Protein backbone atom coordinates (compact mmCIF):
# COMPACT_ATOMS: atom_id res chain seq x y z
CA UNK A 1 0.00 0.00 0.00
CA UNK A 2 2.66 2.48 1.04
CA UNK A 3 5.03 1.48 -1.77
CA UNK A 4 2.49 1.57 -4.60
CA UNK A 5 -0.63 3.58 -3.83
CA UNK A 6 0.76 6.37 -1.66
CA UNK A 7 3.78 6.99 -3.92
CA UNK A 8 1.60 7.43 -7.02
CA UNK A 9 -1.27 9.37 -5.47
CA UNK A 10 -1.68 12.91 -6.75
CA UNK A 11 -3.53 13.90 -3.58
CA UNK A 12 -3.12 12.63 0.00
CA UNK A 13 -4.94 9.32 0.50
CA UNK A 14 -6.90 9.06 3.76
CA UNK A 15 -8.19 5.47 3.65
CA UNK A 16 -9.88 5.67 7.05
CA UNK A 17 -12.00 8.59 5.85
CA UNK A 18 -13.36 6.66 2.85
CA UNK A 19 -16.34 4.30 2.82
CA UNK A 20 -13.93 1.32 2.91
CA UNK A 21 -12.17 2.23 6.19
CA UNK A 22 -9.67 -0.61 5.61
CA UNK A 23 -7.51 -1.67 2.68
CA UNK A 24 -8.94 -5.21 2.75
CA UNK A 25 -12.47 -3.86 2.14
CA UNK A 26 -11.21 -1.83 -0.82
CA UNK A 27 -9.38 -4.86 -2.26
CA UNK A 28 -12.46 -7.07 -1.80
CA UNK A 29 -14.49 -4.58 -3.85
CA UNK A 30 -11.82 -4.52 -6.61
CA UNK A 31 -11.75 -8.35 -6.66
CA UNK A 32 -15.53 -8.37 -7.16
CA UNK A 33 -15.14 -5.91 -10.06
CA UNK A 34 -12.47 -8.15 -11.60
CA UNK A 35 -9.71 -5.57 -11.51
CA UNK A 36 -7.35 -7.47 -9.18
CA UNK A 37 -6.79 -11.01 -7.97
CA UNK A 38 -5.50 -11.71 -4.48
CA UNK A 39 -3.92 -14.56 -2.55
CA UNK A 40 -4.79 -15.44 1.04
CA UNK A 41 -2.17 -15.91 3.74
CA UNK A 42 -2.68 -17.26 7.32
CA UNK A 43 -6.15 -15.97 8.04
CA UNK A 44 -5.92 -12.81 5.91
CA UNK A 45 -7.93 -13.41 2.74
CA UNK A 46 -6.53 -10.24 1.12
CA UNK A 47 -2.83 -10.66 1.98
CA UNK A 48 -1.22 -10.37 -1.48
CA UNK A 49 -2.31 -8.83 -4.75
CA UNK A 50 -1.24 -11.38 -7.35
CA UNK A 51 -2.32 -9.62 -10.55
CA UNK A 52 -3.97 -6.51 -11.95
CA UNK A 53 -6.13 -6.52 -15.08
CA UNK A 54 -4.63 -3.47 -16.76
CA UNK A 55 -7.06 -3.63 -19.66
CA UNK A 56 -10.14 -3.41 -17.41
CA UNK A 57 -12.74 -0.86 -18.52
CA UNK A 58 -12.61 1.02 -15.21
CA UNK A 59 -8.85 1.47 -15.39
CA UNK A 60 -9.00 2.54 -19.05
CA UNK A 61 -11.61 5.18 -18.31
CA UNK A 62 -9.57 6.39 -15.33
CA UNK A 63 -6.45 6.73 -17.52
CA UNK A 64 -8.41 8.62 -20.17
CA UNK A 65 -9.87 10.98 -17.58
CA UNK A 66 -6.44 11.55 -16.04
CA UNK A 67 -4.98 12.31 -19.48
CA UNK A 68 -7.77 14.83 -20.15
CA UNK A 69 -7.12 16.54 -16.83
CA UNK A 70 -3.39 16.64 -17.54
CA UNK A 71 -3.91 18.13 -21.00
CA UNK A 72 -6.24 20.79 -19.58
CA UNK A 73 -3.69 21.88 -16.99
CA UNK A 74 -0.79 21.76 -19.43
CA UNK A 75 -2.55 24.03 -21.95
CA UNK A 76 -3.12 26.67 -19.28
CA UNK A 77 0.46 26.66 -18.05
CA UNK A 78 2.81 26.79 -21.00
CA UNK A 79 6.41 26.76 -19.91
CA UNK A 80 8.95 28.88 -21.67
CA UNK A 81 11.82 26.92 -23.07
CA UNK A 82 15.30 28.14 -22.42
CA UNK A 83 18.15 27.52 -24.82
CA UNK A 84 21.83 28.00 -24.21
CA UNK A 85 23.62 29.47 -27.23
CA UNK A 86 27.19 30.60 -27.77
CA UNK A 87 27.20 34.24 -28.84
CA UNK A 88 29.96 36.13 -30.61
CA UNK A 89 30.84 39.79 -30.99
CA UNK A 90 32.93 41.31 -33.76
CA UNK A 91 35.31 43.92 -32.30
CA UNK A 92 34.80 47.47 -33.60
CA UNK A 93 38.32 47.70 -35.05
CA UNK A 94 37.57 44.65 -37.27
CA UNK A 95 34.35 46.30 -38.43
CA UNK A 96 36.29 49.31 -39.69
CA UNK A 97 39.21 47.22 -41.01
CA UNK A 98 36.95 44.94 -43.08
CA UNK A 99 34.41 47.68 -43.94
CA UNK A 100 31.57 45.46 -42.65
CA UNK A 101 27.91 46.43 -42.75
CA UNK A 102 27.06 47.88 -39.33
CA UNK A 103 23.50 46.49 -39.41
CA UNK A 104 24.83 42.96 -39.85
CA UNK A 105 27.37 43.39 -37.08
CA UNK A 106 24.79 44.86 -34.68
CA UNK A 107 22.47 41.87 -35.32
CA UNK A 108 19.52 44.10 -36.24
CA UNK A 109 17.87 41.17 -38.07
CA UNK A 110 18.36 38.65 -35.24
CA UNK A 111 15.52 36.18 -34.64
CA UNK A 112 15.45 36.93 -30.94
CA UNK A 113 14.11 40.41 -30.13
CA UNK A 114 16.35 40.52 -27.05
CA UNK A 115 19.47 40.31 -29.25
CA UNK A 116 18.41 42.78 -31.96
CA UNK A 117 20.80 45.70 -32.05
CA UNK A 118 23.10 44.34 -29.32
CA UNK A 119 25.91 43.08 -31.56
CA UNK A 120 25.65 39.61 -30.06
CA UNK A 121 25.78 37.13 -32.98
CA UNK A 122 25.14 33.43 -33.19
CA UNK A 123 27.69 31.28 -35.03
CA UNK A 124 25.58 31.12 -38.26
CA UNK A 125 25.16 34.91 -38.23
CA UNK A 126 28.89 35.49 -37.74
CA UNK A 127 29.68 32.99 -40.48
CA UNK A 128 27.22 34.72 -42.83
CA UNK A 129 29.05 38.03 -42.28
CA UNK A 130 32.37 36.34 -43.06
CA UNK A 131 30.97 34.65 -46.19
CA UNK A 132 29.48 37.96 -47.34
CA UNK A 133 32.91 39.61 -47.00
CA UNK A 134 34.63 36.75 -48.86
CA UNK A 135 32.15 36.83 -51.77
CA UNK A 136 32.15 40.66 -51.97
CA UNK A 137 35.95 40.71 -52.34
CA UNK A 138 36.16 37.66 -54.67
CA UNK A 139 38.39 35.70 -52.29
CA UNK A 140 37.25 32.22 -53.38
CA UNK A 141 39.71 30.47 -55.70
CA UNK A 142 37.17 28.96 -58.10
CA UNK A 143 39.77 27.57 -60.54
CA UNK A 144 42.40 25.80 -58.41
CA UNK A 145 40.60 24.99 -55.13
CA UNK A 146 37.03 26.21 -54.66
CA UNK A 147 37.06 25.20 -50.99
CA UNK A 148 40.04 27.47 -50.28
CA UNK A 149 39.89 31.20 -49.58
CA UNK A 150 42.51 33.71 -50.70
CA UNK A 151 43.84 35.89 -47.93
CA UNK A 152 43.73 39.64 -48.64
CA UNK A 153 45.44 42.47 -46.73
CA UNK A 154 42.97 42.90 -43.84
CA UNK A 155 42.68 39.13 -43.36
CA UNK A 156 46.46 38.79 -43.37
CA UNK A 157 46.71 41.50 -40.72
CA UNK A 158 44.11 39.71 -38.60
CA UNK A 159 45.48 36.18 -38.98
CA UNK A 160 49.19 36.95 -38.80
CA UNK A 161 49.27 39.92 -36.47
CA UNK A 162 52.87 40.66 -35.57
CA UNK A 163 53.67 41.47 -31.98
CA UNK A 164 55.19 44.87 -31.42
CA UNK A 165 58.59 44.82 -29.65
C-alpha atoms as a PDB file:
ATOM      1  CA  UNK A   1       0.000   0.000   0.000  1.00  0.00           C
ATOM      2  CA  UNK A   2       2.655   2.485   1.037  1.00  0.00           C
ATOM      3  CA  UNK A   3       5.031   1.478  -1.772  1.00  0.00           C
ATOM      4  CA  UNK A   4       2.490   1.569  -4.600  1.00  0.00           C
ATOM      5  CA  UNK A   5      -0.633   3.583  -3.828  1.00  0.00           C
ATOM      6  CA  UNK A   6       0.763   6.368  -1.659  1.00  0.00           C
ATOM      7  CA  UNK A   7       3.775   6.988  -3.920  1.00  0.00           C
ATOM      8  CA  UNK A   8       1.598   7.434  -7.023  1.00  0.00           C
ATOM      9  CA  UNK A   9      -1.266   9.371  -5.465  1.00  0.00           C
ATOM     10  CA  UNK A  10      -1.683  12.913  -6.746  1.00  0.00           C
ATOM     11  CA  UNK A  11      -3.534  13.898  -3.579  1.00  0.00           C
ATOM     12  CA  UNK A  12      -3.120  12.632  -0.001  1.00  0.00           C
ATOM     13  CA  UNK A  13      -4.939   9.319   0.501  1.00  0.00           C
ATOM     14  CA  UNK A  14      -6.898   9.065   3.758  1.00  0.00           C
ATOM     15  CA  UNK A  15      -8.193   5.474   3.653  1.00  0.00           C
ATOM     16  CA  UNK A  16      -9.880   5.670   7.051  1.00  0.00           C
ATOM     17  CA  UNK A  17     -12.000   8.590   5.848  1.00  0.00           C
ATOM     18  CA  UNK A  18     -13.356   6.665   2.849  1.00  0.00           C
ATOM     19  CA  UNK A  19     -16.336   4.299   2.825  1.00  0.00           C
ATOM     20  CA  UNK A  20     -13.932   1.322   2.907  1.00  0.00           C
ATOM     21  CA  UNK A  21     -12.169   2.234   6.185  1.00  0.00           C
ATOM     22  CA  UNK A  22      -9.666  -0.614   5.611  1.00  0.00           C
ATOM     23  CA  UNK A  23      -7.511  -1.675   2.683  1.00  0.00           C
ATOM     24  CA  UNK A  24      -8.936  -5.213   2.751  1.00  0.00           C
ATOM     25  CA  UNK A  25     -12.469  -3.865   2.137  1.00  0.00           C
ATOM     26  CA  UNK A  26     -11.209  -1.834  -0.817  1.00  0.00           C
ATOM     27  CA  UNK A  27      -9.382  -4.857  -2.261  1.00  0.00           C
ATOM     28  CA  UNK A  28     -12.462  -7.074  -1.804  1.00  0.00           C
ATOM     29  CA  UNK A  29     -14.489  -4.584  -3.855  1.00  0.00           C
ATOM     30  CA  UNK A  30     -11.818  -4.520  -6.607  1.00  0.00           C
ATOM     31  CA  UNK A  31     -11.754  -8.350  -6.655  1.00  0.00           C
ATOM     32  CA  UNK A  32     -15.530  -8.371  -7.163  1.00  0.00           C
ATOM     33  CA  UNK A  33     -15.143  -5.913 -10.065  1.00  0.00           C
ATOM     34  CA  UNK A  34     -12.471  -8.147 -11.602  1.00  0.00           C
ATOM     35  CA  UNK A  35      -9.714  -5.573 -11.510  1.00  0.00           C
ATOM     36  CA  UNK A  36      -7.347  -7.469  -9.178  1.00  0.00           C
ATOM     37  CA  UNK A  37      -6.787 -11.014  -7.974  1.00  0.00           C
ATOM     38  CA  UNK A  38      -5.498 -11.709  -4.481  1.00  0.00           C
ATOM     39  CA  UNK A  39      -3.920 -14.559  -2.552  1.00  0.00           C
ATOM     40  CA  UNK A  40      -4.791 -15.445   1.041  1.00  0.00           C
ATOM     41  CA  UNK A  41      -2.175 -15.911   3.741  1.00  0.00           C
ATOM     42  CA  UNK A  42      -2.679 -17.262   7.320  1.00  0.00           C
ATOM     43  CA  UNK A  43      -6.146 -15.972   8.035  1.00  0.00           C
ATOM     44  CA  UNK A  44      -5.917 -12.814   5.915  1.00  0.00           C
ATOM     45  CA  UNK A  45      -7.933 -13.407   2.736  1.00  0.00           C
ATOM     46  CA  UNK A  46      -6.533 -10.237   1.118  1.00  0.00           C
ATOM     47  CA  UNK A  47      -2.826 -10.660   1.982  1.00  0.00           C
ATOM     48  CA  UNK A  48      -1.221 -10.371  -1.478  1.00  0.00           C
ATOM     49  CA  UNK A  49      -2.309  -8.830  -4.746  1.00  0.00           C
ATOM     50  CA  UNK A  50      -1.237 -11.376  -7.355  1.00  0.00           C
ATOM     51  CA  UNK A  51      -2.321  -9.623 -10.551  1.00  0.00           C
ATOM     52  CA  UNK A  52      -3.966  -6.511 -11.949  1.00  0.00           C
ATOM     53  CA  UNK A  53      -6.128  -6.519 -15.077  1.00  0.00           C
ATOM     54  CA  UNK A  54      -4.630  -3.471 -16.758  1.00  0.00           C
ATOM     55  CA  UNK A  55      -7.064  -3.626 -19.662  1.00  0.00           C
ATOM     56  CA  UNK A  56     -10.138  -3.410 -17.408  1.00  0.00           C
ATOM     57  CA  UNK A  57     -12.744  -0.859 -18.523  1.00  0.00           C
ATOM     58  CA  UNK A  58     -12.614   1.018 -15.212  1.00  0.00           C
ATOM     59  CA  UNK A  59      -8.851   1.472 -15.393  1.00  0.00           C
ATOM     60  CA  UNK A  60      -9.005   2.535 -19.053  1.00  0.00           C
ATOM     61  CA  UNK A  61     -11.613   5.183 -18.308  1.00  0.00           C
ATOM     62  CA  UNK A  62      -9.568   6.395 -15.330  1.00  0.00           C
ATOM     63  CA  UNK A  63      -6.449   6.730 -17.524  1.00  0.00           C
ATOM     64  CA  UNK A  64      -8.414   8.616 -20.170  1.00  0.00           C
ATOM     65  CA  UNK A  65      -9.874  10.978 -17.578  1.00  0.00           C
ATOM     66  CA  UNK A  66      -6.438  11.549 -16.039  1.00  0.00           C
ATOM     67  CA  UNK A  67      -4.979  12.309 -19.485  1.00  0.00           C
ATOM     68  CA  UNK A  68      -7.774  14.831 -20.151  1.00  0.00           C
ATOM     69  CA  UNK A  69      -7.119  16.544 -16.827  1.00  0.00           C
ATOM     70  CA  UNK A  70      -3.390  16.645 -17.540  1.00  0.00           C
ATOM     71  CA  UNK A  71      -3.905  18.128 -20.998  1.00  0.00           C
ATOM     72  CA  UNK A  72      -6.240  20.794 -19.585  1.00  0.00           C
ATOM     73  CA  UNK A  73      -3.695  21.877 -16.992  1.00  0.00           C
ATOM     74  CA  UNK A  74      -0.789  21.760 -19.432  1.00  0.00           C
ATOM     75  CA  UNK A  75      -2.546  24.034 -21.948  1.00  0.00           C
ATOM     76  CA  UNK A  76      -3.121  26.665 -19.284  1.00  0.00           C
ATOM     77  CA  UNK A  77       0.457  26.664 -18.046  1.00  0.00           C
ATOM     78  CA  UNK A  78       2.806  26.791 -21.000  1.00  0.00           C
ATOM     79  CA  UNK A  79       6.407  26.761 -19.905  1.00  0.00           C
ATOM     80  CA  UNK A  80       8.948  28.883 -21.672  1.00  0.00           C
ATOM     81  CA  UNK A  81      11.823  26.924 -23.065  1.00  0.00           C
ATOM     82  CA  UNK A  82      15.295  28.143 -22.425  1.00  0.00           C
ATOM     83  CA  UNK A  83      18.146  27.518 -24.824  1.00  0.00           C
ATOM     84  CA  UNK A  84      21.833  28.000 -24.214  1.00  0.00           C
ATOM     85  CA  UNK A  85      23.621  29.465 -27.234  1.00  0.00           C
ATOM     86  CA  UNK A  86      27.192  30.598 -27.771  1.00  0.00           C
ATOM     87  CA  UNK A  87      27.204  34.238 -28.838  1.00  0.00           C
ATOM     88  CA  UNK A  88      29.964  36.125 -30.605  1.00  0.00           C
ATOM     89  CA  UNK A  89      30.837  39.786 -30.986  1.00  0.00           C
ATOM     90  CA  UNK A  90      32.929  41.307 -33.762  1.00  0.00           C
ATOM     91  CA  UNK A  91      35.312  43.916 -32.304  1.00  0.00           C
ATOM     92  CA  UNK A  92      34.803  47.470 -33.596  1.00  0.00           C
ATOM     93  CA  UNK A  93      38.322  47.696 -35.052  1.00  0.00           C
ATOM     94  CA  UNK A  94      37.569  44.655 -37.270  1.00  0.00           C
ATOM     95  CA  UNK A  95      34.353  46.298 -38.427  1.00  0.00           C
ATOM     96  CA  UNK A  96      36.287  49.308 -39.692  1.00  0.00           C
ATOM     97  CA  UNK A  97      39.206  47.218 -41.010  1.00  0.00           C
ATOM     98  CA  UNK A  98      36.952  44.937 -43.081  1.00  0.00           C
ATOM     99  CA  UNK A  99      34.405  47.683 -43.937  1.00  0.00           C
ATOM    100  CA  UNK A 100      31.569  45.455 -42.654  1.00  0.00           C
ATOM    101  CA  UNK A 101      27.912  46.428 -42.748  1.00  0.00           C
ATOM    102  CA  UNK A 102      27.059  47.876 -39.326  1.00  0.00           C
ATOM    103  CA  UNK A 103      23.498  46.491 -39.407  1.00  0.00           C
ATOM    104  CA  UNK A 104      24.826  42.955 -39.853  1.00  0.00           C
ATOM    105  CA  UNK A 105      27.370  43.389 -37.077  1.00  0.00           C
ATOM    106  CA  UNK A 106      24.787  44.863 -34.683  1.00  0.00           C
ATOM    107  CA  UNK A 107      22.465  41.873 -35.323  1.00  0.00           C
ATOM    108  CA  UNK A 108      19.524  44.095 -36.242  1.00  0.00           C
ATOM    109  CA  UNK A 109      17.875  41.173 -38.073  1.00  0.00           C
ATOM    110  CA  UNK A 110      18.361  38.649 -35.244  1.00  0.00           C
ATOM    111  CA  UNK A 111      15.523  36.183 -34.642  1.00  0.00           C
ATOM    112  CA  UNK A 112      15.449  36.932 -30.940  1.00  0.00           C
ATOM    113  CA  UNK A 113      14.107  40.414 -30.134  1.00  0.00           C
ATOM    114  CA  UNK A 114      16.349  40.519 -27.054  1.00  0.00           C
ATOM    115  CA  UNK A 115      19.475  40.313 -29.255  1.00  0.00           C
ATOM    116  CA  UNK A 116      18.415  42.775 -31.956  1.00  0.00           C
ATOM    117  CA  UNK A 117      20.804  45.703 -32.046  1.00  0.00           C
ATOM    118  CA  UNK A 118      23.103  44.341 -29.317  1.00  0.00           C
ATOM    119  CA  UNK A 119      25.905  43.083 -31.559  1.00  0.00           C
ATOM    120  CA  UNK A 120      25.646  39.607 -30.061  1.00  0.00           C
ATOM    121  CA  UNK A 121      25.785  37.132 -32.976  1.00  0.00           C
ATOM    122  CA  UNK A 122      25.138  33.428 -33.191  1.00  0.00           C
ATOM    123  CA  UNK A 123      27.687  31.277 -35.032  1.00  0.00           C
ATOM    124  CA  UNK A 124      25.583  31.117 -38.255  1.00  0.00           C
ATOM    125  CA  UNK A 125      25.157  34.910 -38.226  1.00  0.00           C
ATOM    126  CA  UNK A 126      28.893  35.493 -37.742  1.00  0.00           C
ATOM    127  CA  UNK A 127      29.681  32.989 -40.482  1.00  0.00           C
ATOM    128  CA  UNK A 128      27.217  34.719 -42.828  1.00  0.00           C
ATOM    129  CA  UNK A 129      29.045  38.029 -42.281  1.00  0.00           C
ATOM    130  CA  UNK A 130      32.366  36.342 -43.062  1.00  0.00           C
ATOM    131  CA  UNK A 131      30.968  34.646 -46.186  1.00  0.00           C
ATOM    132  CA  UNK A 132      29.479  37.956 -47.344  1.00  0.00           C
ATOM    133  CA  UNK A 133      32.915  39.609 -47.005  1.00  0.00           C
ATOM    134  CA  UNK A 134      34.628  36.750 -48.864  1.00  0.00           C
ATOM    135  CA  UNK A 135      32.154  36.829 -51.767  1.00  0.00           C
ATOM    136  CA  UNK A 136      32.149  40.662 -51.970  1.00  0.00           C
ATOM    137  CA  UNK A 137      35.949  40.714 -52.342  1.00  0.00           C
ATOM    138  CA  UNK A 138      36.160  37.655 -54.674  1.00  0.00           C
ATOM    139  CA  UNK A 139      38.393  35.704 -52.294  1.00  0.00           C
ATOM    140  CA  UNK A 140      37.247  32.223 -53.378  1.00  0.00           C
ATOM    141  CA  UNK A 141      39.713  30.474 -55.698  1.00  0.00           C
ATOM    142  CA  UNK A 142      37.167  28.961 -58.105  1.00  0.00           C
ATOM    143  CA  UNK A 143      39.775  27.567 -60.544  1.00  0.00           C
ATOM    144  CA  UNK A 144      42.403  25.800 -58.410  1.00  0.00           C
ATOM    145  CA  UNK A 145      40.602  24.992 -55.134  1.00  0.00           C
ATOM    146  CA  UNK A 146      37.025  26.211 -54.663  1.00  0.00           C
ATOM    147  CA  UNK A 147      37.060  25.202 -50.985  1.00  0.00           C
ATOM    148  CA  UNK A 148      40.036  27.473 -50.285  1.00  0.00           C
ATOM    149  CA  UNK A 149      39.890  31.196 -49.579  1.00  0.00           C
ATOM    150  CA  UNK A 150      42.505  33.709 -50.703  1.00  0.00           C
ATOM    151  CA  UNK A 151      43.841  35.895 -47.930  1.00  0.00           C
ATOM    152  CA  UNK A 152      43.734  39.642 -48.640  1.00  0.00           C
ATOM    153  CA  UNK A 153      45.437  42.468 -46.733  1.00  0.00           C
ATOM    154  CA  UNK A 154      42.974  42.902 -43.842  1.00  0.00           C
ATOM    155  CA  UNK A 155      42.679  39.127 -43.365  1.00  0.00           C
ATOM    156  CA  UNK A 156      46.455  38.787 -43.374  1.00  0.00           C
ATOM    157  CA  UNK A 157      46.710  41.505 -40.716  1.00  0.00           C
ATOM    158  CA  UNK A 158      44.106  39.708 -38.604  1.00  0.00           C
ATOM    159  CA  UNK A 159      45.478  36.180 -38.982  1.00  0.00           C
ATOM    160  CA  UNK A 160      49.195  36.950 -38.802  1.00  0.00           C
ATOM    161  CA  UNK A 161      49.272  39.921 -36.467  1.00  0.00           C
ATOM    162  CA  UNK A 162      52.874  40.663 -35.568  1.00  0.00           C
ATOM    163  CA  UNK A 163      53.668  41.465 -31.985  1.00  0.00           C
ATOM    164  CA  UNK A 164      55.194  44.873 -31.415  1.00  0.00           C
ATOM    165  CA  UNK A 165      58.592  44.824 -29.646  1.00  0.00           C
END
